[in-house]
Amino acid sequence: MSKNPPRKLDPINKEKSTADIFNELNIRYRICFKFAPKSEVEEDICICNKPLRYHEDKSDSKTKEAKWTMEQNTKERIKPVHGILPNGALFLRLALDTPVAKVGKLLSEVWKTPPPRLIMSIIGGAKYFTLSDRLESNFINGIIEVALKSDAWLITNGYNVGIVQLVGQAINKVKLTKLNQHITAIGLCKYGSIKDVESLIDSDKGNKQQQMKIHDEELDDGTEKKRASGQRDLEMNHSHYLMLDDGRFRFYDTKDYRTQLCAHLAKLQHETDFPLPVVTIVVEGGKDTIKNIYYDLRDNIPVVIIDGSGRVADFFKRWLLYTKEFDEASKYPQYPYEIGEIDKATPVTAFSPTTDDTNSSKTGTHTYFEVQLDASRNTLKGIFEKYDERLRKDLDLLISHDDDASKRKKTSQTSNNNSKDAKSDELDAILRQVMYCLQPAVRSGIAVFNLNSDDNLSETIFRTVCKSRQKYFERKESDENDAIEIRQRKYKPQPTIHVKQHHTDSRQHVNRRDQNAQRSQLLQLAMDWNCIDVAKELILQNSLDNILNKEEAFLNALTRDLPAFVYEFIKLGIDPSKIFFENDAFSMSKNRYKKFFQRLYNSDAVNSDDTQLSAFIESDDVVGKHIHSTDELNDVLATLIGDYMHTLYFTSYKDEVDYRSSWGLIEQNQTNAPNSDQPDKANKEIVFDTIMRDLFIWAILMNHTEMAQVFLSHMKYRICAALIATKILKQYFQKAPYGDLKDSYEKNAKYFEEYAISCIKLCEKNNTDQACEIVLQRIELYGNVTCLQIAADAKDKLFIATPCCVQAMNNIWYKNIHHEHSNKRNELAMVIGVFSLGLLAPFFVNYRDPPKL
């Protein structure tokens, strides 16, 4: 009998190497081969900035007005140079028209770049850029914080100038101070604009021989020696470099490639995958920055303007205020107008052509329609009609600083006129791009962060991302509705209203599910950045119904110490008892705390440097101490609090009943399972009280004191719980070395003691006798201890000194005798009672009433 060959020998199933994947991508680069003279002054220099001798086709060398395009003047070459730069960064030279899908595959499958949860572009600030302390502290630190929290990919132009230089310095600081953290920074630069690019790539030994050939073939001999206009040094703190190549040298323009790459990486055009959050940060900038803002907003990538950084950023902030009337979206259409969109056309004229061609009538008569389009009726221009002149002047003043070098050149009158015409055309083009960005349907994609405010940059970015996701789903639903309506018009017979409504409801249900999945992803990002306010406003919206896995989100908030999120989850209806004691695990399971220990008492948490818990665990393993069972946790609590507190944690309900019965803490008729004797509501209350106690003690043990405060606000017997917290924290204080952590233990212990004092004072104000009974009452939930017992052991002197506690101790001393007999004027009555052997005591001595609790 023949057998199938082993799968490992099957070439189809063989795992491909990164080299194989790279070769299959077949990435190319471009070189200029057809010469086009740059100017009359530089006849031997091509528009690509390379000398005539490096070109194969010299047919246009004498043509005065030759035009240069990448498609016509360059040709593709295979096997582009790639490798590792001296700083350890990966690089690749690739053509400017390389499909972004190939670049995405290169990053993920060849370079094995960790997948991001946020894509963040940083543009602007390449020239005339001044750095300020405010910018460095508020902006740069915020950018790095966001990148570290969300595993973001930073995408810049990769040049060591302006804002990118500052970002690079911040990345280097992270490398030196946070050795276990890494930032993925991708420099999207032009190959021909990198100074000494050959020296950099020659450092990769595997490419030396190949680079020598390229050096002899492509570059002028003098380009390496000094930096020419149009060249920049490479910022050497990035992790990856994509060196785009259109065949030209000393030209920075990459068109909209960055936008297209970001849109692809963020999966904005994918129908099956959920988009990743993507955002562009704009700092200062010139006319190229305006183009990039236009490209991003056109492709639905939100933009955050850094107000106060200067030039373009301040320009957009200013004009967002000037045109704030456009913020009232209800007055304007929800769809954007394109740059060249015409508002109206002249009336349509129909006519039939007259011809002597007899053959034309053989196939029938045709009617033609003539439409007169008037470019002056541009829609965007009409919207901004009253702002047009002022906007144009402001924009002209802004971009005029970008061409200082050209102003110093002496040109003829003819060339000067041509220059003026070209400048006017350029101004018109940029003006239309600005209008596109500021129009009512698009401007919501622009957010402003003020450097001079105390706002949080991460919160501004996150709010922008959330709003863009809302717009994405609204746009997607609208497009789907339009497509379905077009299809339904073709149906014969037409579907009934009932059928249409059925399809609409079904589609809304599917879209709602997609939105909930996206909201769940955004909630995780909000937890990464701790942006609770934005999460409440734009994600949760007073309901957990739009979160797919709310239980897992709650557990993440617990383990990551996010008290604000935990509070919001509990307020919106999350029941922790159903998460940790699911399927009646509290009363029926033989290991009720299994999930509790797995998620909250894992090894990393127990051995964390933020808590002294490991110091109170008896174990031979000094480094890897653990708490895996109820017995181990009970031993820790006995060490921290004292053996006067009975056991709190039991593996099963049977173990709990047996223990309590053996100590006489439970009546015989209470030994049955709780769900058989007690009402369901009472059972749920017991389970809820237990899990809140467990979570509170866990939070204190892990030194998550703000989290403990959240649980304390939902608990019974808060005074006893707060005093237990003081006892544990004071034990931690004794073990901790000197420093901020030790000080925090002392501070938090004082907080919980003051909390207990405030509570008992309020009780005393309401009823003094009952307040005294409260501090003496044995609390079953906390191992049958009393508040006074815990306070005395913890040396909470301020709590013990409260009038309520003093009176309670007097009551203990005098037992049933009323405390007023401690006064000297009642001593005679006491003496009579004693010498009469108690026979006359009922007539002379007052007794306390029994407690009413």
Foldseek 3Di string as FASTA:
>chain_A
DDDDDDPCPDPVNDDDALVVLLVVLFFKFKAFAAAAAPAPVGLQAGVLRAGVVLHNHDPNSPPHDDDDDLVPGMDIDTDWFWDAWPLRATETEGALPRDLVSVVCCVCPNVVQPAWLEEEEEDFFQPPFDDDPLCLVAPLVLVVLLCQLTVYEYEYQQFCGTPVVSNLVVQVVCVVPPVPTHGAYEREWACQQEAQSLVGSCVGVVCVVVSVVCVVNHDDPPRNPDPDALHGHGSSSHRYYYHYHSNHHSHTDSQQSVLSNQCVSQVLVPPPDHGRQYEYEYAAHALVVLSNLLSNLVSLHFYEQADPRHFPSVLLVVVCVVVVVLQPVVVDDLDFADLQDADDWDDKDKDWDDDPDPVVPPVHTDIDIDIGTDSVRRPLCVVCVVVVVVSLVVNCVRNVVVPPVVVPDDDDPVVVVVVVVVVVVSSSVSSSSSSRCSHNNRVLSYHYDYSPDPDRPVLRSLLSSLVSVVVSLVVVVVVVVVVVVVVQVPDPPRDDPVVVVVVVVVVVVVSLLVQLDVLQSSLVSCLSVLNLVSCCVRRQVLAPPSHDCLLVSLLVCLQVLNQSVVLSSVVSPDQVLCSQQNPNLAAPNLASRQVVCVRQFDQCLCQDPLAPNLVQFDDPDSRRDGDRHQVRVQSSLCSQQHPLFARQDDRHLQRVLVVCVVVVNDDPVPSDGCPVPHDPVVVSVVSRQLVLLVSLVSCLRSVSLSNNVSSLVVHPPSLQSLLSSLSNLVVRLVVDDDDPSNVVSVVSSVVSLVVSQVVLVVVCVVPLVVSLVQQVFQDVNGRRDGSVRSCVSSVSVVSCPDPSNVVSVCCVVVPFFDSVCVDPVLVVLVVVCVVVVNPCNVVRTDTDDDDDD
